[in-house]
Amino acid sequence: MTRKENEPLSSVSLQGNHAIISYCRTALSATSGIVAGILGLYGLNGFLFYICSSLFMSILLVGKAKCAWHKYFLSRWDIWTNGVIGGTLTFILFWTFLYGLVHVY
């Protein structure tokens, strides 16, 4: 059974897909923060590292969805932006913690 282009998606499926992307972004943000802290990045270099890693994650997610993104999300923009702002706070938490742990103490 295939879905037509105008047929709506299940709200439960959409929530599950958004939860998976949010989980991926949170894990990426924590990992990026740990790496940035250990490498001793600070200031704009640290934020540029997060932006590049988040962009890389978005490219991977778009590549995974291929041209069939409309089967899983309402718009392609959801794949690129879902969880980026919340992930920023997680990145800052791990970044400052590991930077202080490795380079200050």
PDB file of N, CA and C in Angstrom:
ATOM      1  N   MET A   1       0.843  -1.168   0.000  1.00  0.00           N
ATOM      2  CA  MET A   1       0.000   0.000   0.000  1.00  0.00           C
ATOM      3  C   MET A   1       0.891   1.235   0.000  1.00  0.00           C
ATOM      4  N   THR A   2       0.751   2.068  -0.986  1.00  0.00           N
ATOM      5  CA  THR A   2       1.565   3.273  -1.084  1.00  0.00           C
ATOM      6  C   THR A   2       0.733   4.496  -0.742  1.00  0.00           C
ATOM      7  N   ARG A   3       1.421   5.502  -0.254  1.00  0.00           N
ATOM      8  CA  ARG A   3       0.767   6.741   0.142  1.00  0.00           C
ATOM      9  C   ARG A   3       0.822   7.717  -1.017  1.00  0.00           C
ATOM     10  N   LYS A   4      -0.283   8.382  -1.262  1.00  0.00           N
ATOM     11  CA  LYS A   4      -0.310   9.415  -2.298  1.00  0.00           C
ATOM     12  C   LYS A   4       0.380  10.662  -1.774  1.00  0.00           C
ATOM     13  N   GLU A   5       0.787  11.534  -2.653  1.00  0.00           N
ATOM     14  CA  GLU A   5       1.529  12.737  -2.279  1.00  0.00           C
ATOM     15  C   GLU A   5       0.743  13.634  -1.314  1.00  0.00           C
ATOM     16  N   ASN A   6      -0.559  13.761  -1.508  1.00  0.00           N
ATOM     17  CA  ASN A   6      -1.366  14.654  -0.684  1.00  0.00           C
ATOM     18  C   ASN A   6      -1.929  13.983   0.559  1.00  0.00           C
ATOM     19  N   GLU A   7      -1.751  12.698   0.699  1.00  0.00           N
ATOM     20  CA  GLU A   7      -2.300  11.970   1.830  1.00  0.00           C
ATOM     21  C   GLU A   7      -1.492  12.291   3.096  1.00  0.00           C
ATOM     22  N   PRO A   8      -2.159  12.593   4.213  1.00  0.00           N
ATOM     23  CA  PRO A   8      -1.434  12.964   5.434  1.00  0.00           C
ATOM     24  C   PRO A   8      -0.751  11.759   6.081  1.00  0.00           C
ATOM     25  N   LEU A   9       0.314  12.057   6.800  1.00  0.00           N
ATOM     26  CA  LEU A   9       1.032  11.033   7.541  1.00  0.00           C
ATOM     27  C   LEU A   9       0.389  10.813   8.902  1.00  0.00           C
ATOM     28  N   SER A  10       0.687   9.704   9.506  1.00  0.00           N
ATOM     29  CA  SER A  10       0.215   9.431  10.855  1.00  0.00           C
ATOM     30  C   SER A  10       0.946  10.345  11.837  1.00  0.00           C
ATOM     31  N   SER A  11       0.224  10.941  12.756  1.00  0.00           N
ATOM     32  CA  SER A  11       0.860  11.843  13.723  1.00  0.00           C
ATOM     33  C   SER A  11       1.793  11.079  14.657  1.00  0.00           C
ATOM     34  N   VAL A  12       1.464   9.840  14.957  1.00  0.00           N
ATOM     35  CA  VAL A  12       2.331   9.025  15.805  1.00  0.00           C
ATOM     36  C   VAL A  12       3.658   8.745  15.088  1.00  0.00           C
ATOM     37  N   SER A  13       3.590   8.459  13.802  1.00  0.00           N
ATOM     38  CA  SER A  13       4.805   8.221  13.020  1.00  0.00           C
ATOM     39  C   SER A  13       5.656   9.481  12.919  1.00  0.00           C
ATOM     40  N   LEU A  14       5.011  10.614  12.709  1.00  0.00           N
ATOM     41  CA  LEU A  14       5.755  11.879  12.645  1.00  0.00           C
ATOM     42  C   LEU A  14       6.458  12.172  13.960  1.00  0.00           C
ATOM     43  N   GLN A  15       5.762  11.956  15.080  1.00  0.00           N
ATOM     44  CA  GLN A  15       6.375  12.189  16.382  1.00  0.00           C
ATOM     45  C   GLN A  15       7.547  11.249  16.609  1.00  0.00           C
ATOM     46  N   GLY A  16       7.400  10.005  16.201  1.00  0.00           N
ATOM     47  CA  GLY A  16       8.491   9.049  16.340  1.00  0.00           C
ATOM     48  C   GLY A  16       9.696   9.436  15.506  1.00  0.00           C
ATOM     49  N   ASN A  17       9.463   9.901  14.286  1.00  0.00           N
ATOM     50  CA  ASN A  17      10.562  10.330  13.414  1.00  0.00           C
ATOM     51  C   ASN A  17      11.274  11.551  13.976  1.00  0.00           C
ATOM     52  N   HIS A  18      10.504  12.489  14.517  1.00  0.00           N
ATOM     53  CA  HIS A  18      11.116  13.670  15.121  1.00  0.00           C
ATOM     54  C   HIS A  18      11.893  13.294  16.381  1.00  0.00           C
ATOM     55  N   ALA A  19      11.389  12.333  17.141  1.00  0.00           N
ATOM     56  CA  ALA A  19      12.093  11.891  18.343  1.00  0.00           C
ATOM     57  C   ALA A  19      13.424  11.237  17.978  1.00  0.00           C
ATOM     58  N   ILE A  20      13.450  10.477  16.908  1.00  0.00           N
ATOM     59  CA  ILE A  20      14.692   9.835  16.477  1.00  0.00           C
ATOM     60  C   ILE A  20      15.718  10.874  16.049  1.00  0.00           C
ATOM     61  N   ILE A  21      15.277  11.871  15.292  1.00  0.00           N
ATOM     62  CA  ILE A  21      16.210  12.927  14.874  1.00  0.00           C
ATOM     63  C   ILE A  21      16.693  13.715  16.087  1.00  0.00           C
ATOM     64  N   SER A  22      15.808  13.983  17.025  1.00  0.00           N
ATOM     65  CA  SER A  22      16.204  14.705  18.228  1.00  0.00           C
ATOM     66  C   SER A  22      17.233  13.909  19.029  1.00  0.00           C
ATOM     67  N   TYR A  23      17.042  12.601  19.122  1.00  0.00           N
ATOM     68  CA  TYR A  23      17.999  11.752  19.825  1.00  0.00           C
ATOM     69  C   TYR A  23      19.358  11.770  19.114  1.00  0.00           C
ATOM     70  N   CYS A  24      19.356  11.680  17.799  1.00  0.00           N
ATOM     71  CA  CYS A  24      20.606  11.735  17.024  1.00  0.00           C
ATOM     72  C   CYS A  24      21.325  13.053  17.239  1.00  0.00           C
ATOM     73  N   ARG A  25      20.584  14.144  17.225  1.00  0.00           N
ATOM     74  CA  ARG A  25      21.188  15.464  17.407  1.00  0.00           C
ATOM     75  C   ARG A  25      21.739  15.626  18.820  1.00  0.00           C
ATOM     76  N   THR A  26      21.039  15.100  19.819  1.00  0.00           N
ATOM     77  CA  THR A  26      21.531  15.196  21.191  1.00  0.00           C
ATOM     78  C   THR A  26      22.823  14.407  21.356  1.00  0.00           C
ATOM     79  N   ALA A  27      22.865  13.197  20.796  1.00  0.00           N
ATOM     80  CA  ALA A  27      24.084  12.397  20.869  1.00  0.00           C
ATOM     81  C   ALA A  27      25.231  13.077  20.122  1.00  0.00           C
ATOM     82  N   LEU A  28      24.944  13.652  18.968  1.00  0.00           N
ATOM     83  CA  LEU A  28      25.959  14.376  18.207  1.00  0.00           C
ATOM     84  C   LEU A  28      26.452  15.589  18.982  1.00  0.00           C
ATOM     85  N   SER A  29      25.555  16.313  19.612  1.00  0.00           N
ATOM     86  CA  SER A  29      25.936  17.508  20.359  1.00  0.00           C
ATOM     87  C   SER A  29      26.832  17.160  21.540  1.00  0.00           C
ATOM     88  N   ALA A  30      26.494  16.101  22.251  1.00  0.00           N
ATOM     89  CA  ALA A  30      27.325  15.675  23.379  1.00  0.00           C
ATOM     90  C   ALA A  30      28.701  15.240  22.890  1.00  0.00           C
ATOM     91  N   THR A  31      28.739  14.457  21.833  1.00  0.00           N
ATOM     92  CA  THR A  31      30.014  13.990  21.289  1.00  0.00           C
ATOM     93  C   THR A  31      30.848  15.149  20.764  1.00  0.00           C
ATOM     94  N   SER A  32      30.227  16.072  20.067  1.00  0.00           N
ATOM     95  CA  SER A  32      30.942  17.242  19.545  1.00  0.00           C
ATOM     96  C   SER A  32      31.470  18.110  20.685  1.00  0.00           C
ATOM     97  N   GLY A  33      30.689  18.265  21.726  1.00  0.00           N
ATOM     98  CA  GLY A  33      31.134  19.041  22.880  1.00  0.00           C
ATOM     99  C   GLY A  33      32.324  18.403  23.573  1.00  0.00           C
ATOM    100  N   ILE A  34      32.301  17.081  23.677  1.00  0.00           N
ATOM    101  CA  ILE A  34      33.427  16.368  24.289  1.00  0.00           C
ATOM    102  C   ILE A  34      34.686  16.549  23.446  1.00  0.00           C
ATOM    103  N   VAL A  35      34.558  16.385  22.139  1.00  0.00           N
ATOM    104  CA  VAL A  35      35.714  16.526  21.248  1.00  0.00           C
ATOM    105  C   VAL A  35      36.242  17.960  21.274  1.00  0.00           C
ATOM    106  N   ALA A  36      35.351  18.942  21.210  1.00  0.00           N
ATOM    107  CA  ALA A  36      35.777  20.341  21.224  1.00  0.00           C
ATOM    108  C   ALA A  36      36.459  20.698  22.542  1.00  0.00           C
ATOM    109  N   GLY A  37      35.951  20.164  23.646  1.00  0.00           N
ATOM    110  CA  GLY A  37      36.569  20.426  24.942  1.00  0.00           C
ATOM    111  C   GLY A  37      37.942  19.800  25.064  1.00  0.00           C
ATOM    112  N   ILE A  38      38.090  18.568  24.607  1.00  0.00           N
ATOM    113  CA  ILE A  38      39.383  17.894  24.684  1.00  0.00           C
ATOM    114  C   ILE A  38      40.401  18.549  23.757  1.00  0.00           C
ATOM    115  N   LEU A  39      39.947  18.974  22.564  1.00  0.00           N
ATOM    116  CA  LEU A  39      40.858  19.637  21.633  1.00  0.00           C
ATOM    117  C   LEU A  39      41.246  21.039  22.084  1.00  0.00           C
ATOM    118  N   GLY A  40      40.531  21.584  23.050  1.00  0.00           N
ATOM    119  CA  GLY A  40      40.857  22.907  23.565  1.00  0.00           C
ATOM    120  C   GLY A  40      40.331  24.039  22.711  1.00  0.00           C
ATOM    121  N   LEU A  41      39.283  23.790  21.944  1.00  0.00           N
ATOM    122  CA  LEU A  41      38.687  24.850  21.141  1.00  0.00           C
ATOM    123  C   LEU A  41      37.944  25.821  22.050  1.00  0.00           C
ATOM    124  N   TYR A  42      38.025  27.091  21.754  1.00  0.00           N
ATOM    125  CA  TYR A  42      37.280  28.083  22.534  1.00  0.00           C
ATOM    126  C   TYR A  42      36.840  29.214  21.623  1.00  0.00           C
ATOM    127  N   GLY A  43      35.839  29.940  22.091  1.00  0.00           N
ATOM    128  CA  GLY A  43      35.320  31.060  21.319  1.00  0.00           C
ATOM    129  C   GLY A  43      34.602  30.608  20.060  1.00  0.00           C
ATOM    130  N   LEU A  44      34.793  31.360  19.005  1.00  0.00           N
ATOM    131  CA  LEU A  44      34.112  31.073  17.746  1.00  0.00           C
ATOM    132  C   LEU A  44      34.558  29.752  17.117  1.00  0.00           C
ATOM    133  N   ASN A  45      35.786  29.333  17.378  1.00  0.00           N
ATOM    134  CA  ASN A  45      36.248  28.057  16.839  1.00  0.00           C
ATOM    135  C   ASN A  45      35.397  26.893  17.349  1.00  0.00           C
ATOM    136  N   GLY A  46      35.019  26.940  18.609  1.00  0.00           N
ATOM    137  CA  GLY A  46      34.170  25.896  19.169  1.00  0.00           C
ATOM    138  C   GLY A  46      32.790  25.897  18.543  1.00  0.00           C
ATOM    139  N   PHE A  47      32.215  27.066  18.366  1.00  0.00           N
ATOM    140  CA  PHE A  47      30.889  27.133  17.747  1.00  0.00           C
ATOM    141  C   PHE A  47      30.934  26.746  16.269  1.00  0.00           C
ATOM    142  N   LEU A  48      31.991  27.107  15.583  1.00  0.00           N
ATOM    143  CA  LEU A  48      32.134  26.677  14.191  1.00  0.00           C
ATOM    144  C   LEU A  48      32.256  25.158  14.098  1.00  0.00           C
ATOM    145  N   PHE A  49      32.929  24.558  15.073  1.00  0.00           N
ATOM    146  CA  PHE A  49      33.030  23.100  15.115  1.00  0.00           C
ATOM    147  C   PHE A  49      31.642  22.483  15.273  1.00  0.00           C
ATOM    148  N   TYR A  50      30.814  23.073  16.140  1.00  0.00           N
ATOM    149  CA  TYR A  50      29.451  22.558  16.325  1.00  0.00           C
ATOM    150  C   TYR A  50      28.617  22.741  15.057  1.00  0.00           C
ATOM    151  N   ILE A  51      28.729  23.887  14.431  1.00  0.00           N
ATOM    152  CA  ILE A  51      27.961  24.138  13.209  1.00  0.00           C
ATOM    153  C   ILE A  51      28.358  23.150  12.118  1.00  0.00           C
ATOM    154  N   CYS A  52      29.654  22.904  11.978  1.00  0.00           N
ATOM    155  CA  CYS A  52      30.116  21.941  10.954  1.00  0.00           C
ATOM    156  C   CYS A  52      29.640  20.525  11.266  1.00  0.00           C
ATOM    157  N   SER A  53      29.698  20.126  12.533  1.00  0.00           N
ATOM    158  CA  SER A  53      29.251  18.773  12.879  1.00  0.00           C
ATOM    159  C   SER A  53      27.736  18.641  12.727  1.00  0.00           C
ATOM    160  N   SER A  54      26.992  19.687  13.040  1.00  0.00           N
ATOM    161  CA  SER A  54      25.549  19.650  12.868  1.00  0.00           C
ATOM    162  C   SER A  54      25.178  19.618  11.385  1.00  0.00           C
ATOM    163  N   LEU A  55      25.899  20.361  10.584  1.00  0.00           N
ATOM    164  CA  LEU A  55      25.675  20.333   9.142  1.00  0.00           C
ATOM    165  C   LEU A  55      25.988  18.947   8.569  1.00  0.00           C
ATOM    166  N   PHE A  56      27.055  18.329   9.060  1.00  0.00           N
ATOM    167  CA  PHE A  56      27.403  16.981   8.624  1.00  0.00           C
ATOM    168  C   PHE A  56      26.299  15.988   8.986  1.00  0.00           C
ATOM    169  N   MET A  57      25.738  16.125  10.192  1.00  0.00           N
ATOM    170  CA  MET A  57      24.633  15.248  10.602  1.00  0.00           C
ATOM    171  C   MET A  57      23.422  15.454   9.711  1.00  0.00           C
ATOM    172  N   SER A  58      23.133  16.690   9.359  1.00  0.00           N
ATOM    173  CA  SER A  58      22.001  16.964   8.477  1.00  0.00           C
ATOM    174  C   SER A  58      22.204  16.341   7.102  1.00  0.00           C
ATOM    175  N   ILE A  59      23.423  16.430   6.600  1.00  0.00           N
ATOM    176  CA  ILE A  59      23.719  15.821   5.297  1.00  0.00           C
ATOM    177  C   ILE A  59      23.538  14.307   5.363  1.00  0.00           C
ATOM    178  N   LEU A  60      23.984  13.699   6.452  1.00  0.00           N
ATOM    179  CA  LEU A  60      23.799  12.255   6.607  1.00  0.00           C
ATOM    180  C   LEU A  60      22.318  11.877   6.680  1.00  0.00           C
ATOM    181  N   LEU A  61      21.529  12.668   7.396  1.00  0.00           N
ATOM    182  CA  LEU A  61      20.097  12.374   7.518  1.00  0.00           C
ATOM    183  C   LEU A  61      19.375  12.543   6.188  1.00  0.00           C
ATOM    184  N   VAL A  62      19.731  13.586   5.441  1.00  0.00           N
ATOM    185  CA  VAL A  62      19.127  13.787   4.126  1.00  0.00           C
ATOM    186  C   VAL A  62      19.543  12.662   3.187  1.00  0.00           C
ATOM    187  N   GLY A  63      20.789  12.235   3.287  1.00  0.00           N
ATOM    188  CA  GLY A  63      21.255  11.120   2.474  1.00  0.00           C
ATOM    189  C   GLY A  63      20.535   9.825   2.816  1.00  0.00           C
ATOM    190  N   LYS A  64      20.243   9.634   4.097  1.00  0.00           N
ATOM    191  CA  LYS A  64      19.512   8.440   4.518  1.00  0.00           C
ATOM    192  C   LYS A  64      18.069   8.463   4.007  1.00  0.00           C
ATOM    193  N   ALA A  65      17.446   9.628   4.047  1.00  0.00           N
ATOM    194  CA  ALA A  65      16.057   9.742   3.580  1.00  0.00           C
ATOM    195  C   ALA A  65      15.974   9.720   2.059  1.00  0.00           C
ATOM    196  N   LYS A  66      17.066  10.070   1.393  1.00  0.00           N
ATOM    197  CA  LYS A  66      17.143  10.130  -0.066  1.00  0.00           C
ATOM    198  C   LYS A  66      16.045  11.043  -0.612  1.00  0.00           C
ATOM    199  N   CYS A  67      15.408  10.642  -1.671  1.00  0.00           N
ATOM    200  CA  CYS A  67      14.351  11.467  -2.265  1.00  0.00           C
ATOM    201  C   CYS A  67      12.987  11.169  -1.662  1.00  0.00           C
ATOM    202  N   ALA A  68      12.920  10.267  -0.711  1.00  0.00           N
ATOM    203  CA  ALA A  68      11.643   9.859  -0.135  1.00  0.00           C
ATOM    204  C   ALA A  68      11.378  10.527   1.214  1.00  0.00           C
ATOM    205  N   TRP A  69      11.901  11.741   1.417  1.00  0.00           N
ATOM    206  CA  TRP A  69      11.710  12.410   2.697  1.00  0.00           C
ATOM    207  C   TRP A  69      10.235  12.656   2.995  1.00  0.00           C
ATOM    208  N   HIS A  70       9.410  12.825   1.967  1.00  0.00           N
ATOM    209  CA  HIS A  70       7.986  13.113   2.164  1.00  0.00           C
ATOM    210  C   HIS A  70       7.245  11.924   2.773  1.00  0.00           C
ATOM    211  N   LYS A  71       7.855  10.756   2.788  1.00  0.00           N
ATOM    212  CA  LYS A  71       7.233   9.601   3.450  1.00  0.00           C
ATOM    213  C   LYS A  71       7.372   9.672   4.959  1.00  0.00           C
ATOM    214  N   TYR A  72       8.355  10.446   5.452  1.00  0.00           N
ATOM    215  CA  TYR A  72       8.681  10.455   6.869  1.00  0.00           C
ATOM    216  C   TYR A  72       8.460  11.792   7.561  1.00  0.00           C
ATOM    217  N   PHE A  73       8.479  12.889   6.797  1.00  0.00           N
ATOM    218  CA  PHE A  73       8.356  14.230   7.365  1.00  0.00           C
ATOM    219  C   PHE A  73       7.435  15.078   6.512  1.00  0.00           C
ATOM    220  N   LEU A  74       6.931  16.145   7.114  1.00  0.00           N
ATOM    221  CA  LEU A  74       6.062  17.055   6.373  1.00  0.00           C
ATOM    222  C   LEU A  74       6.851  17.951   5.432  1.00  0.00           C
ATOM    223  N   SER A  75       8.070  18.307   5.837  1.00  0.00           N
ATOM    224  CA  SER A  75       8.898  19.134   4.965  1.00  0.00           C
ATOM    225  C   SER A  75      10.357  18.718   5.111  1.00  0.00           C
ATOM    226  N   ARG A  76      11.127  19.031   4.105  1.00  0.00           N
ATOM    227  CA  ARG A  76      12.556  18.719   4.148  1.00  0.00           C
ATOM    228  C   ARG A  76      13.256  19.573   5.198  1.00  0.00           C
ATOM    229  N   TRP A  77      12.729  20.725   5.484  1.00  0.00           N
ATOM    230  CA  TRP A  77      13.299  21.640   6.462  1.00  0.00           C
ATOM    231  C   TRP A  77      13.357  20.994   7.848  1.00  0.00           C
ATOM    232  N   ASP A  78      12.419  20.099   8.150  1.00  0.00           N
ATOM    233  CA  ASP A  78      12.421  19.400   9.438  1.00  0.00           C
ATOM    234  C   ASP A  78      13.684  18.573   9.629  1.00  0.00           C
ATOM    235  N   ILE A  79      14.172  17.974   8.570  1.00  0.00           N
ATOM    236  CA  ILE A  79      15.377  17.156   8.669  1.00  0.00           C
ATOM    237  C   ILE A  79      16.586  18.036   8.975  1.00  0.00           C
ATOM    238  N   TRP A  80      16.640  19.214   8.378  1.00  0.00           N
ATOM    239  CA  TRP A  80      17.795  20.098   8.547  1.00  0.00           C
ATOM    240  C   TRP A  80      17.821  20.803   9.894  1.00  0.00           C
ATOM    241  N   THR A  81      16.648  21.132  10.453  1.00  0.00           N
ATOM    242  CA  THR A  81      16.636  22.017  11.623  1.00  0.00           C
ATOM    243  C   THR A  81      16.126  21.405  12.917  1.00  0.00           C
ATOM    244  N   ASN A  82      15.503  20.259  12.878  1.00  0.00           N
ATOM    245  CA  ASN A  82      14.905  19.692  14.086  1.00  0.00           C
ATOM    246  C   ASN A  82      15.979  19.368  15.124  1.00  0.00           C
ATOM    247  N   GLY A  83      15.894  19.982  16.295  1.00  0.00           N
ATOM    248  CA  GLY A  83      16.795  19.694  17.401  1.00  0.00           C
ATOM    249  C   GLY A  83      18.109  20.443  17.408  1.00  0.00           C
ATOM    250  N   VAL A  84      18.311  21.369  16.489  1.00  0.00           N
ATOM    251  CA  VAL A  84      19.596  22.074  16.427  1.00  0.00           C
ATOM    252  C   VAL A  84      19.760  23.020  17.614  1.00  0.00           C
ATOM    253  N   ILE A  85      18.738  23.765  17.966  1.00  0.00           N
ATOM    254  CA  ILE A  85      18.842  24.729  19.065  1.00  0.00           C
ATOM    255  C   ILE A  85      19.002  24.019  20.406  1.00  0.00           C
ATOM    256  N   GLY A  86      18.209  23.002  20.638  1.00  0.00           N
ATOM    257  CA  GLY A  86      18.352  22.220  21.875  1.00  0.00           C
ATOM    258  C   GLY A  86      19.701  21.533  21.955  1.00  0.00           C
ATOM    259  N   GLY A  87      20.212  21.111  20.821  1.00  0.00           N
ATOM    260  CA  GLY A  87      21.527  20.493  20.781  1.00  0.00           C
ATOM    261  C   GLY A  87      22.638  21.469  21.096  1.00  0.00           C
ATOM    262  N   THR A  88      22.419  22.735  20.808  1.00  0.00           N
ATOM    263  CA  THR A  88      23.422  23.752  21.106  1.00  0.00           C
ATOM    264  C   THR A  88      23.684  23.835  22.603  1.00  0.00           C
ATOM    265  N   LEU A  89      22.636  23.772  23.395  1.00  0.00           N
ATOM    266  CA  LEU A  89      22.808  23.828  24.846  1.00  0.00           C
ATOM    267  C   LEU A  89      23.535  22.601  25.371  1.00  0.00           C
ATOM    268  N   THR A  90      23.242  21.441  24.810  1.00  0.00           N
ATOM    269  CA  THR A  90      23.958  20.224  25.193  1.00  0.00           C
ATOM    270  C   THR A  90      25.425  20.329  24.809  1.00  0.00           C
ATOM    271  N   PHE A  91      25.695  20.857  23.622  1.00  0.00           N
ATOM    272  CA  PHE A  91      27.073  21.058  23.172  1.00  0.00           C
ATOM    273  C   PHE A  91      27.828  21.957  24.143  1.00  0.00           C
ATOM    274  N   ILE A  92      27.232  23.074  24.521  1.00  0.00           N
ATOM    275  CA  ILE A  92      27.899  24.019  25.425  1.00  0.00           C
ATOM    276  C   ILE A  92      28.180  23.368  26.774  1.00  0.00           C
ATOM    277  N   LEU A  93      27.248  22.589  27.274  1.00  0.00           N
ATOM    278  CA  LEU A  93      27.433  21.909  28.554  1.00  0.00           C
ATOM    279  C   LEU A  93      28.653  20.994  28.516  1.00  0.00           C
ATOM    280  N   PHE A  94      28.730  20.105  27.542  1.00  0.00           N
ATOM    281  CA  PHE A  94      29.847  19.167  27.461  1.00  0.00           C
ATOM    282  C   PHE A  94      31.151  19.864  27.076  1.00  0.00           C
ATOM    283  N   TRP A  95      31.054  20.860  26.233  1.00  0.00           N
ATOM    284  CA  TRP A  95      32.229  21.604  25.792  1.00  0.00           C
ATOM    285  C   TRP A  95      32.918  22.283  26.972  1.00  0.00           C
ATOM    286  N   THR A  96      32.157  23.030  27.757  1.00  0.00           N
ATOM    287  CA  THR A  96      32.752  23.744  28.887  1.00  0.00           C
ATOM    288  C   THR A  96      33.215  22.783  29.977  1.00  0.00           C
ATOM    289  N   PHE A  97      32.475  21.719  30.201  1.00  0.00           N
ATOM    290  CA  PHE A  97      32.867  20.754  31.231  1.00  0.00           C
ATOM    291  C   PHE A  97      34.196  20.086  30.882  1.00  0.00           C
ATOM    292  N   LEU A  98      34.313  19.574  29.663  1.00  0.00           N
ATOM    293  CA  LEU A  98      35.536  18.882  29.269  1.00  0.00           C
ATOM    294  C   LEU A  98      36.707  19.841  29.101  1.00  0.00           C
ATOM    295  N   TYR A  99      36.433  21.046  28.619  1.00  0.00           N
ATOM    296  CA  TYR A  99      37.519  22.034  28.498  1.00  0.00           C
ATOM    297  C   TYR A  99      38.084  22.346  29.874  1.00  0.00           C
ATOM    298  N   GLY A 100      37.211  22.581  30.826  1.00  0.00           N
ATOM    299  CA  GLY A 100      37.666  22.851  32.179  1.00  0.00           C
ATOM    300  C   GLY A 100      38.358  21.671  32.819  1.00  0.00           C
ATOM    301  N   LEU A 101      37.860  20.498  32.575  1.00  0.00           N
ATOM    302  CA  LEU A 101      38.436  19.286  33.163  1.00  0.00           C
ATOM    303  C   LEU A 101      39.820  18.999  32.605  1.00  0.00           C
ATOM    304  N   VAL A 102      40.017  19.162  31.308  1.00  0.00           N
ATOM    305  CA  VAL A 102      41.271  18.809  30.664  1.00  0.00           C
ATOM    306  C   VAL A 102      42.294  19.951  30.726  1.00  0.00           C
ATOM    307  N   HIS A 103      41.874  21.161  30.458  1.00  0.00           N
ATOM    308  CA  HIS A 103      42.825  22.253  30.272  1.00  0.00           C
ATOM    309  C   HIS A 103      42.970  23.170  31.475  1.00  0.00           C
ATOM    310  N   VAL A 104      42.047  23.172  32.409  1.00  0.00           N
ATOM    311  CA  VAL A 104      42.147  24.066  33.556  1.00  0.00           C
ATOM    312  C   VAL A 104      42.700  23.332  34.762  1.00  0.00           C
ATOM    313  N   TYR A 105      42.214  22.124  35.008  1.00  0.00           N
ATOM    314  CA  TYR A 105      42.659  21.392  36.205  1.00  0.00           C
ATOM    315  C   TYR A 105      43.809  20.494  35.937  1.00  0.00           C
TER     316      TYR A 105
END
